[in-house]
């Protein structure tokens, strides 16, 4: 059988894997639920909260913190974080201790 110019002349041995396919990588160990880590230093240099102390106060999300502070928006909380309001990072989320936030707000006036 003759091949025309439009047919491919690649044999099965010439096949290369498709590009964009991910190689198998080693997975990192999962952190235990509720593991806390300190925040990175920012330009505002927010204080690190709860590194060595044991707190029994619940951690609040942005929505919960805004509601507790009188129905403030998530955007308001984001602006205060940018100004240095203390938070802890847990499982990739910013969480807040109400006592630390109230102390920070009182300090600012």
Foldseek 3Di string as FASTA:
>chain_A
DDDDPVDDPDDPVNDDDDPPDDDDDDDDDDDPAPDWDWDDQDPLGADTPDPPDDDPADWAALCRLCVVVPNHDSVVVVVVVVNHQDFIAGPNGTTHGNVSNVVVVVVVD
